[in-house]
């Protein structure tokens, strides 16, 4: 009982540190409105191009592997929201390799808060504001155009929440690999993003079985956007809904475990 109470108290403390640090970063960003709006606008630009690409594509074809225009907008929009959320909620993890090389993990270890929380909130990607905003517009427009009703909102909210958790956790886990690789750049995390942008903005039916297996069960990025949207639009049966929450829980455990192992192997700079 005492152990459970201590864990709950530690979790509340970590959560409090996380949100206070995040709010402090947001306040710092809004001190420079011009920078904020430039970066937020930059986050919108790529997604405007993706929106335009889908619009032009579906002006020429009625569907892609059975997926129609508004369904594809939901697919792309949900991925955009998830990607933008990582920039807002845990962008600092991309600096893990730099912190390891420079020995900047040292003082974070001595502070009374989880190291991963301190690192994650050390930076906010301002482009995330634009990405999340435009992604939600794409999802909403696709939702309405696809004829989705209010009854599907709980499933949509569940899918959105799981998408954000999975994306943040997978990025954190792959950035934690830099505890061992000793490099500034998080190569595996970049590979993950490349995989998503190349494979997960289109229906999985277009790809070979190997790609489906990898994105479903090896690096489960399909549960970020493809599975929840496919369930909502009837391309997959409702029992697939168990997948996103399970994947979210597994991804969080993986990220926490890898970061913990990385900290155990950390030997400061110069070693």
C-alpha atoms as a PDB file:
ATOM      1  CA  UNK A   1       0.000   0.000   0.000  1.00  0.00           C
ATOM      2  CA  UNK A   2       2.785   2.405   0.955  1.00  0.00           C
ATOM      3  CA  UNK A   3       4.657   1.527  -2.237  1.00  0.00           C
ATOM      4  CA  UNK A   4       1.572   2.280  -4.344  1.00  0.00           C
ATOM      5  CA  UNK A   5       1.116   5.635  -2.597  1.00  0.00           C
ATOM      6  CA  UNK A   6       4.741   6.564  -3.238  1.00  0.00           C
ATOM      7  CA  UNK A   7       4.441   5.684  -6.915  1.00  0.00           C
ATOM      8  CA  UNK A   8       1.260   7.716  -7.259  1.00  0.00           C
ATOM      9  CA  UNK A   9       2.929  10.672  -5.552  1.00  0.00           C
ATOM     10  CA  UNK A  10       5.963  10.378  -7.849  1.00  0.00           C
ATOM     11  CA  UNK A  11       3.706  10.248 -10.900  1.00  0.00           C
ATOM     12  CA  UNK A  12       1.833  13.380  -9.782  1.00  0.00           C
ATOM     13  CA  UNK A  13       5.135  15.155  -9.145  1.00  0.00           C
ATOM     14  CA  UNK A  14       6.479  14.186 -12.586  1.00  0.00           C
ATOM     15  CA  UNK A  15       3.253  15.339 -14.217  1.00  0.00           C
ATOM     16  CA  UNK A  16       3.407  18.649 -12.383  1.00  0.00           C
ATOM     17  CA  UNK A  17       7.014  19.236 -13.427  1.00  0.00           C
ATOM     18  CA  UNK A  18       6.155  18.349 -17.017  1.00  0.00           C
ATOM     19  CA  UNK A  19       3.254  20.803 -17.351  1.00  0.00           C
ATOM     20  CA  UNK A  20       5.044  23.635 -15.516  1.00  0.00           C
ATOM     21  CA  UNK A  21       8.067  23.230 -17.794  1.00  0.00           C
ATOM     22  CA  UNK A  22       5.872  23.116 -20.885  1.00  0.00           C
ATOM     23  CA  UNK A  23       3.986  26.256 -19.872  1.00  0.00           C
ATOM     24  CA  UNK A  24       7.293  28.025 -19.214  1.00  0.00           C
ATOM     25  CA  UNK A  25       8.469  27.137 -22.721  1.00  0.00           C
ATOM     26  CA  UNK A  26       5.233  28.409 -24.255  1.00  0.00           C
ATOM     27  CA  UNK A  27       5.553  31.698 -22.354  1.00  0.00           C
ATOM     28  CA  UNK A  28       9.122  32.083 -23.602  1.00  0.00           C
ATOM     29  CA  UNK A  29       8.019  31.421 -27.188  1.00  0.00           C
ATOM     30  CA  UNK A  30       5.196  33.966 -27.093  1.00  0.00           C
ATOM     31  CA  UNK A  31       7.676  36.655 -26.043  1.00  0.00           C
ATOM     32  CA  UNK A  32       8.682  36.729 -29.727  1.00  0.00           C
ATOM     33  CA  UNK A  33       5.393  36.820 -31.683  1.00  0.00           C
ATOM     34  CA  UNK A  34       7.023  37.210 -35.090  1.00  0.00           C
ATOM     35  CA  UNK A  35       9.131  34.070 -34.650  1.00  0.00           C
ATOM     36  CA  UNK A  36       6.105  32.197 -33.404  1.00  0.00           C
ATOM     37  CA  UNK A  37       3.941  33.056 -36.411  1.00  0.00           C
ATOM     38  CA  UNK A  38       6.717  32.369 -38.919  1.00  0.00           C
ATOM     39  CA  UNK A  39       7.385  28.915 -37.489  1.00  0.00           C
ATOM     40  CA  UNK A  40       3.696  28.106 -37.065  1.00  0.00           C
ATOM     41  CA  UNK A  41       3.107  29.083 -40.688  1.00  0.00           C
ATOM     42  CA  UNK A  42       6.015  26.890 -41.770  1.00  0.00           C
ATOM     43  CA  UNK A  43       4.313  23.967 -40.063  1.00  0.00           C
ATOM     44  CA  UNK A  44       1.234  24.563 -42.202  1.00  0.00           C
ATOM     45  CA  UNK A  45       2.987  24.767 -45.571  1.00  0.00           C
ATOM     46  CA  UNK A  46       3.892  21.085 -46.104  1.00  0.00           C
ATOM     47  CA  UNK A  47       0.398  20.054 -45.082  1.00  0.00           C
ATOM     48  CA  UNK A  48      -1.163  22.530 -47.496  1.00  0.00           C
ATOM     49  CA  UNK A  49       0.854  20.798 -50.220  1.00  0.00           C
ATOM     50  CA  UNK A  50      -0.389  17.408 -49.026  1.00  0.00           C
ATOM     51  CA  UNK A  51      -3.961  18.704 -49.059  1.00  0.00           C
ATOM     52  CA  UNK A  52      -3.459  20.069 -52.584  1.00  0.00           C
ATOM     53  CA  UNK A  53      -1.932  16.766 -53.740  1.00  0.00           C
ATOM     54  CA  UNK A  54      -4.924  14.774 -52.505  1.00  0.00           C
ATOM     55  CA  UNK A  55      -7.342  17.265 -54.065  1.00  0.00           C
ATOM     56  CA  UNK A  56      -5.621  17.047 -57.467  1.00  0.00           C
ATOM     57  CA  UNK A  57      -5.317  13.251 -57.224  1.00  0.00           C
ATOM     58  CA  UNK A  58      -9.000  12.716 -56.527  1.00  0.00           C
ATOM     59  CA  UNK A  59      -9.978  15.101 -59.287  1.00  0.00           C
ATOM     60  CA  UNK A  60      -8.614  12.413 -61.612  1.00  0.00           C
ATOM     61  CA  UNK A  61      -9.550   9.164 -59.797  1.00  0.00           C
ATOM     62  CA  UNK A  62     -12.632   8.209 -57.737  1.00  0.00           C
ATOM     63  CA  UNK A  63     -10.747   6.264 -55.061  1.00  0.00           C
ATOM     64  CA  UNK A  64      -7.361   4.801 -54.091  1.00  0.00           C
ATOM     65  CA  UNK A  65      -7.512   1.142 -53.074  1.00  0.00           C
ATOM     66  CA  UNK A  66     -11.154   1.689 -52.063  1.00  0.00           C
ATOM     67  CA  UNK A  67     -10.434   4.838 -50.059  1.00  0.00           C
ATOM     68  CA  UNK A  68     -12.235   8.021 -51.112  1.00  0.00           C
ATOM     69  CA  UNK A  69     -11.123  11.632 -50.903  1.00  0.00           C
ATOM     70  CA  UNK A  70     -12.511  12.558 -47.489  1.00  0.00           C
ATOM     71  CA  UNK A  71     -11.310   9.315 -45.931  1.00  0.00           C
ATOM     72  CA  UNK A  72      -7.804  10.042 -47.206  1.00  0.00           C
ATOM     73  CA  UNK A  73      -8.003  13.533 -45.732  1.00  0.00           C
ATOM     74  CA  UNK A  74      -8.734  11.982 -42.341  1.00  0.00           C
ATOM     75  CA  UNK A  75      -5.807   9.588 -42.788  1.00  0.00           C
ATOM     76  CA  UNK A  76      -3.358  12.353 -43.623  1.00  0.00           C
ATOM     77  CA  UNK A  77      -4.827  14.798 -41.106  1.00  0.00           C
ATOM     78  CA  UNK A  78      -4.567  12.420 -38.155  1.00  0.00           C
ATOM     79  CA  UNK A  79      -0.921  11.697 -38.967  1.00  0.00           C
ATOM     80  CA  UNK A  80      -0.282  15.442 -39.146  1.00  0.00           C
ATOM     81  CA  UNK A  81      -1.884  16.007 -35.737  1.00  0.00           C
ATOM     82  CA  UNK A  82       0.196  13.214 -34.196  1.00  0.00           C
ATOM     83  CA  UNK A  83       3.435  14.496 -35.730  1.00  0.00           C
ATOM     84  CA  UNK A  84       2.707  18.068 -34.703  1.00  0.00           C
ATOM     85  CA  UNK A  85       1.905  16.960 -31.164  1.00  0.00           C
ATOM     86  CA  UNK A  86       5.394  15.504 -30.725  1.00  0.00           C
ATOM     87  CA  UNK A  87       6.833  18.926 -31.555  1.00  0.00           C
ATOM     88  CA  UNK A  88       4.609  20.516 -28.906  1.00  0.00           C
ATOM     89  CA  UNK A  89       4.750  17.875 -26.178  1.00  0.00           C
ATOM     90  CA  UNK A  90       8.199  16.256 -26.328  1.00  0.00           C
ATOM     91  CA  UNK A  91      10.333  18.008 -28.939  1.00  0.00           C
ATOM     92  CA  UNK A  92      13.265  18.125 -26.536  1.00  0.00           C
ATOM     93  CA  UNK A  93      13.884  14.374 -26.855  1.00  0.00           C
ATOM     94  CA  UNK A  94      15.444  15.056 -30.264  1.00  0.00           C
ATOM     95  CA  UNK A  95      18.339  16.639 -28.323  1.00  0.00           C
ATOM     96  CA  UNK A  96      19.052  13.475 -26.333  1.00  0.00           C
ATOM     97  CA  UNK A  97      22.144  12.655 -28.406  1.00  0.00           C
ATOM     98  CA  UNK A  98      23.537  16.180 -28.030  1.00  0.00           C
ATOM     99  CA  UNK A  99      22.951  16.168 -24.281  1.00  0.00           C
ATOM    100  CA  UNK A 100      24.704  12.803 -23.968  1.00  0.00           C
ATOM    101  CA  UNK A 101      27.734  13.943 -25.987  1.00  0.00           C
ATOM    102  CA  UNK A 102      28.078  17.210 -24.079  1.00  0.00           C
ATOM    103  CA  UNK A 103      27.457  15.664 -20.675  1.00  0.00           C
ATOM    104  CA  UNK A 104      24.380  17.810 -20.148  1.00  0.00           C
ATOM    105  CA  UNK A 105      22.486  14.869 -18.711  1.00  0.00           C
ATOM    106  CA  UNK A 106      24.648  15.219 -15.573  1.00  0.00           C
ATOM    107  CA  UNK A 107      22.816  18.051 -13.850  1.00  0.00           C
ATOM    108  CA  UNK A 108      19.443  16.679 -14.944  1.00  0.00           C
ATOM    109  CA  UNK A 109      20.204  13.470 -13.076  1.00  0.00           C
ATOM    110  CA  UNK A 110      20.694  15.452  -9.858  1.00  0.00           C
ATOM    111  CA  UNK A 111      17.412  17.330 -10.144  1.00  0.00           C
ATOM    112  CA  UNK A 112      14.259  15.969  -8.416  1.00  0.00           C
ATOM    113  CA  UNK A 113      12.350  15.105 -11.585  1.00  0.00           C
ATOM    114  CA  UNK A 114      12.531  12.286 -14.152  1.00  0.00           C
ATOM    115  CA  UNK A 115      15.300  12.950 -16.671  1.00  0.00           C
ATOM    116  CA  UNK A 116      13.079  12.085 -19.632  1.00  0.00           C
ATOM    117  CA  UNK A 117      10.553  14.720 -18.504  1.00  0.00           C
ATOM    118  CA  UNK A 118      13.260  17.372 -18.205  1.00  0.00           C
ATOM    119  CA  UNK A 119      14.705  16.531 -21.620  1.00  0.00           C
ATOM    120  CA  UNK A 120      11.311  16.314 -23.346  1.00  0.00           C
ATOM    121  CA  UNK A 121      10.279  19.783 -22.152  1.00  0.00           C
ATOM    122  CA  UNK A 122      13.617  21.467 -22.852  1.00  0.00           C
ATOM    123  CA  UNK A 123      12.333  22.670 -26.219  1.00  0.00           C
ATOM    124  CA  UNK A 124       9.064  23.167 -28.093  1.00  0.00           C
ATOM    125  CA  UNK A 125       8.814  23.010 -31.874  1.00  0.00           C
ATOM    126  CA  UNK A 126       6.755  26.054 -32.799  1.00  0.00           C
ATOM    127  CA  UNK A 127       5.876  24.492 -36.156  1.00  0.00           C
ATOM    128  CA  UNK A 128       3.758  22.050 -34.179  1.00  0.00           C
ATOM    129  CA  UNK A 129       1.097  24.702 -33.594  1.00  0.00           C
ATOM    130  CA  UNK A 130       0.546  25.013 -37.329  1.00  0.00           C
ATOM    131  CA  UNK A 131       0.717  21.268 -37.929  1.00  0.00           C
ATOM    132  CA  UNK A 132      -1.805  20.398 -35.228  1.00  0.00           C
ATOM    133  CA  UNK A 133      -4.158  23.186 -36.251  1.00  0.00           C
ATOM    134  CA  UNK A 134      -4.165  22.349 -39.951  1.00  0.00           C
ATOM    135  CA  UNK A 135      -4.254  18.610 -39.226  1.00  0.00           C
ATOM    136  CA  UNK A 136      -7.412  19.058 -37.163  1.00  0.00           C
ATOM    137  CA  UNK A 137      -8.955  21.067 -40.017  1.00  0.00           C
ATOM    138  CA  UNK A 138      -8.193  18.194 -42.421  1.00  0.00           C
ATOM    139  CA  UNK A 139      -9.670  15.635 -40.027  1.00  0.00           C
ATOM    140  CA  UNK A 140     -12.801  17.730 -39.454  1.00  0.00           C
ATOM    141  CA  UNK A 141     -13.312  18.384 -43.166  1.00  0.00           C
ATOM    142  CA  UNK A 142     -12.774  14.732 -43.990  1.00  0.00           C
ATOM    143  CA  UNK A 143     -15.069  13.671 -41.136  1.00  0.00           C
ATOM    144  CA  UNK A 144     -17.926  15.820 -42.383  1.00  0.00           C
ATOM    145  CA  UNK A 145     -17.366  14.909 -46.031  1.00  0.00           C
ATOM    146  CA  UNK A 146     -17.267  11.204 -45.222  1.00  0.00           C
ATOM    147  CA  UNK A 147     -20.620  11.491 -43.482  1.00  0.00           C
ATOM    148  CA  UNK A 148     -19.362  10.607 -40.011  1.00  0.00           C
ATOM    149  CA  UNK A 149     -21.934  11.316 -37.318  1.00  0.00           C
ATOM    150  CA  UNK A 150     -21.742  12.269 -33.648  1.00  0.00           C
ATOM    151  CA  UNK A 151     -22.019   8.616 -32.637  1.00  0.00           C
ATOM    152  CA  UNK A 152     -18.499   8.029 -33.940  1.00  0.00           C
ATOM    153  CA  UNK A 153     -16.972  10.894 -31.911  1.00  0.00           C
ATOM    154  CA  UNK A 154     -15.889   8.695 -28.936  1.00  0.00           C
ATOM    155  CA  UNK A 155     -14.015   6.384 -31.306  1.00  0.00           C
ATOM    156  CA  UNK A 156     -12.454   9.405 -32.981  1.00  0.00           C
ATOM    157  CA  UNK A 157     -11.341  10.887 -29.661  1.00  0.00           C
ATOM    158  CA  UNK A 158      -9.879   7.540 -28.585  1.00  0.00           C
ATOM    159  CA  UNK A 159      -8.014   7.232 -31.873  1.00  0.00           C
ATOM    160  CA  UNK A 160      -6.690  10.797 -31.608  1.00  0.00           C
ATOM    161  CA  UNK A 161      -5.477  10.342 -28.020  1.00  0.00           C
ATOM    162  CA  UNK A 162      -3.783   7.026 -28.814  1.00  0.00           C
ATOM    163  CA  UNK A 163      -2.205   8.479 -31.968  1.00  0.00           C
ATOM    164  CA  UNK A 164      -0.551  11.272 -29.966  1.00  0.00           C
ATOM    165  CA  UNK A 165       0.671   8.931 -27.224  1.00  0.00           C
ATOM    166  CA  UNK A 166       2.049   6.353 -29.680  1.00  0.00           C
ATOM    167  CA  UNK A 167       3.839   8.961 -31.788  1.00  0.00           C
ATOM    168  CA  UNK A 168       5.425  10.701 -28.790  1.00  0.00           C
ATOM    169  CA  UNK A 169       6.443   7.418 -27.183  1.00  0.00           C
ATOM    170  CA  UNK A 170       7.976   5.921 -30.341  1.00  0.00           C
ATOM    171  CA  UNK A 171       9.958   9.096 -31.052  1.00  0.00           C
ATOM    172  CA  UNK A 172      11.188   9.148 -27.439  1.00  0.00           C
ATOM    173  CA  UNK A 173      12.170   5.480 -27.574  1.00  0.00           C
ATOM    174  CA  UNK A 174      14.126   5.876 -30.807  1.00  0.00           C
ATOM    175  CA  UNK A 175      15.844   9.051 -29.591  1.00  0.00           C
ATOM    176  CA  UNK A 176      16.902   7.136 -26.461  1.00  0.00           C
ATOM    177  CA  UNK A 177      19.020   4.896 -28.697  1.00  0.00           C
ATOM    178  CA  UNK A 178      21.508   7.782 -28.779  1.00  0.00           C
ATOM    179  CA  UNK A 179      22.621   6.863 -25.278  1.00  0.00           C
ATOM    180  CA  UNK A 180      24.495   4.040 -27.026  1.00  0.00           C
ATOM    181  CA  UNK A 181      25.087   5.429 -30.527  1.00  0.00           C
ATOM    182  CA  UNK A 182      26.751   8.606 -29.203  1.00  0.00           C
ATOM    183  CA  UNK A 183      25.631  10.859 -32.032  1.00  0.00           C
ATOM    184  CA  UNK A 184      23.918  14.233 -32.309  1.00  0.00           C
ATOM    185  CA  UNK A 185      21.281  13.073 -34.772  1.00  0.00           C
ATOM    186  CA  UNK A 186      18.513  10.626 -33.881  1.00  0.00           C
ATOM    187  CA  UNK A 187      18.833   8.538 -37.032  1.00  0.00           C
ATOM    188  CA  UNK A 188      16.248   5.902 -36.113  1.00  0.00           C
ATOM    189  CA  UNK A 189      13.657   8.533 -35.228  1.00  0.00           C
ATOM    190  CA  UNK A 190      14.190  10.193 -38.604  1.00  0.00           C
ATOM    191  CA  UNK A 191      13.749   6.799 -40.287  1.00  0.00           C
ATOM    192  CA  UNK A 192      10.458   6.393 -38.433  1.00  0.00           C
ATOM    193  CA  UNK A 193       9.184   9.739 -39.726  1.00  0.00           C
ATOM    194  CA  UNK A 194      10.313   8.863 -43.237  1.00  0.00           C
ATOM    195  CA  UNK A 195       8.466   5.541 -43.026  1.00  0.00           C
ATOM    196  CA  UNK A 196       5.313   7.303 -41.919  1.00  0.00           C
ATOM    197  CA  UNK A 197       5.387   9.987 -44.584  1.00  0.00           C
ATOM    198  CA  UNK A 198       6.080   7.447 -47.320  1.00  0.00           C
ATOM    199  CA  UNK A 199       3.741   4.646 -46.248  1.00  0.00           C
ATOM    200  CA  UNK A 200       1.130   5.925 -43.812  1.00  0.00           C
ATOM    201  CA  UNK A 201      -0.388   8.692 -45.929  1.00  0.00           C
ATOM    202  CA  UNK A 202      -1.734   6.013 -48.274  1.00  0.00           C
ATOM    203  CA  UNK A 203      -3.889   2.892 -47.680  1.00  0.00           C
ATOM    204  CA  UNK A 204      -1.835  -0.133 -46.642  1.00  0.00           C
ATOM    205  CA  UNK A 205      -3.523  -2.196 -49.361  1.00  0.00           C
ATOM    206  CA  UNK A 206      -1.198  -0.498 -51.851  1.00  0.00           C
ATOM    207  CA  UNK A 207       1.914  -1.962 -50.238  1.00  0.00           C
ATOM    208  CA  UNK A 208       3.455  -5.457 -50.106  1.00  0.00           C
ATOM    209  CA  UNK A 209       2.756  -7.784 -47.192  1.00  0.00           C
ATOM    210  CA  UNK A 210       6.190  -7.055 -45.691  1.00  0.00           C
ATOM    211  CA  UNK A 211       5.320  -3.366 -45.290  1.00  0.00           C
ATOM    212  CA  UNK A 212       2.006  -4.252 -43.652  1.00  0.00           C
ATOM    213  CA  UNK A 213       3.712  -6.578 -41.164  1.00  0.00           C
ATOM    214  CA  UNK A 214       6.394  -4.017 -40.287  1.00  0.00           C
ATOM    215  CA  UNK A 215       3.964  -1.118 -39.805  1.00  0.00           C
ATOM    216  CA  UNK A 216       1.485  -3.224 -37.849  1.00  0.00           C
ATOM    217  CA  UNK A 217       3.657  -5.388 -35.603  1.00  0.00           C
ATOM    218  CA  UNK A 218       7.334  -4.364 -35.775  1.00  0.00           C
ATOM    219  CA  UNK A 219       7.206  -0.554 -35.769  1.00  0.00           C
ATOM    220  CA  UNK A 220       3.470  -0.099 -35.132  1.00  0.00           C
ATOM    221  CA  UNK A 221       2.975   3.238 -36.875  1.00  0.00           C
ATOM    222  CA  UNK A 222      -0.181   1.903 -38.546  1.00  0.00           C
ATOM    223  CA  UNK A 223      -1.949   2.324 -35.197  1.00  0.00           C
ATOM    224  CA  UNK A 224      -1.221   6.057 -35.249  1.00  0.00           C
ATOM    225  CA  UNK A 225      -3.552   6.860 -38.126  1.00  0.00           C
ATOM    226  CA  UNK A 226      -4.375   3.970 -40.451  1.00  0.00           C
ATOM    227  CA  UNK A 227      -6.122   1.620 -38.007  1.00  0.00           C
ATOM    228  CA  UNK A 228      -8.360   4.204 -36.244  1.00  0.00           C
ATOM    229  CA  UNK A 229      -9.391   5.837 -39.536  1.00  0.00           C
ATOM    230  CA  UNK A 230      -9.958   2.441 -41.184  1.00  0.00           C
ATOM    231  CA  UNK A 231     -12.237   1.424 -38.299  1.00  0.00           C
ATOM    232  CA  UNK A 232     -14.153   4.706 -38.433  1.00  0.00           C
ATOM    233  CA  UNK A 233     -14.696   4.423 -42.188  1.00  0.00           C
ATOM    234  CA  UNK A 234     -15.567   0.725 -42.182  1.00  0.00           C
ATOM    235  CA  UNK A 235     -12.414  -0.558 -43.878  1.00  0.00           C
ATOM    236  CA  UNK A 236     -11.580  -2.578 -40.755  1.00  0.00           C
ATOM    237  CA  UNK A 237     -13.878  -4.268 -38.241  1.00  0.00           C
ATOM    238  CA  UNK A 238     -14.456  -2.708 -34.839  1.00  0.00           C
ATOM    239  CA  UNK A 239     -12.412  -5.326 -32.958  1.00  0.00           C
ATOM    240  CA  UNK A 240      -9.305  -3.548 -34.288  1.00  0.00           C
ATOM    241  CA  UNK A 241     -10.115  -0.803 -31.779  1.00  0.00           C
ATOM    242  CA  UNK A 242      -8.246  -2.764 -29.107  1.00  0.00           C
ATOM    243  CA  UNK A 243      -5.068  -2.171 -31.092  1.00  0.00           C
ATOM    244  CA  UNK A 244      -4.425   1.574 -30.535  1.00  0.00           C
ATOM    245  CA  UNK A 245      -4.754   1.517 -26.694  1.00  0.00           C
ATOM    246  CA  UNK A 246      -2.586  -1.609 -26.412  1.00  0.00           C
ATOM    247  CA  UNK A 247      -0.012  -0.136 -28.760  1.00  0.00           C
ATOM    248  CA  UNK A 248      -0.034   3.141 -26.819  1.00  0.00           C
ATOM    249  CA  UNK A 249       0.604   1.323 -23.522  1.00  0.00           C
ATOM    250  CA  UNK A 250       3.351  -0.830 -25.050  1.00  0.00           C
ATOM    251  CA  UNK A 251       4.994   2.208 -26.670  1.00  0.00           C
ATOM    252  CA  UNK A 252       5.073   4.128 -23.384  1.00  0.00           C
ATOM    253  CA  UNK A 253       6.610   1.141 -21.580  1.00  0.00           C
ATOM    254  CA  UNK A 254       9.190   0.785 -24.350  1.00  0.00           C
ATOM    255  CA  UNK A 255      10.122   4.478 -24.223  1.00  0.00           C
ATOM    256  CA  UNK A 256      10.382   4.515 -20.421  1.00  0.00           C
ATOM    257  CA  UNK A 257      12.370   1.272 -20.395  1.00  0.00           C
ATOM    258  CA  UNK A 258      14.854   2.380 -23.063  1.00  0.00           C
ATOM    259  CA  UNK A 259      15.401   5.743 -21.395  1.00  0.00           C
ATOM    260  CA  UNK A 260      15.960   4.047 -18.046  1.00  0.00           C
ATOM    261  CA  UNK A 261      18.465   1.606 -19.565  1.00  0.00           C
ATOM    262  CA  UNK A 262      20.169   4.478 -21.372  1.00  0.00           C
ATOM    263  CA  UNK A 263      20.608   6.405 -18.150  1.00  0.00           C
ATOM    264  CA  UNK A 264      22.144   3.338 -16.500  1.00  0.00           C
ATOM    265  CA  UNK A 265      24.714   3.123 -19.294  1.00  0.00           C
ATOM    266  CA  UNK A 266      25.351   6.893 -19.347  1.00  0.00           C
ATOM    267  CA  UNK A 267      28.897   7.784 -18.302  1.00  0.00           C
ATOM    268  CA  UNK A 268      28.965  11.549 -18.896  1.00  0.00           C
ATOM    269  CA  UNK A 269      31.054  13.210 -21.616  1.00  0.00           C
ATOM    270  CA  UNK A 270      34.607  12.310 -22.496  1.00  0.00           C
ATOM    271  CA  UNK A 271      34.225   8.548 -21.952  1.00  0.00           C
END
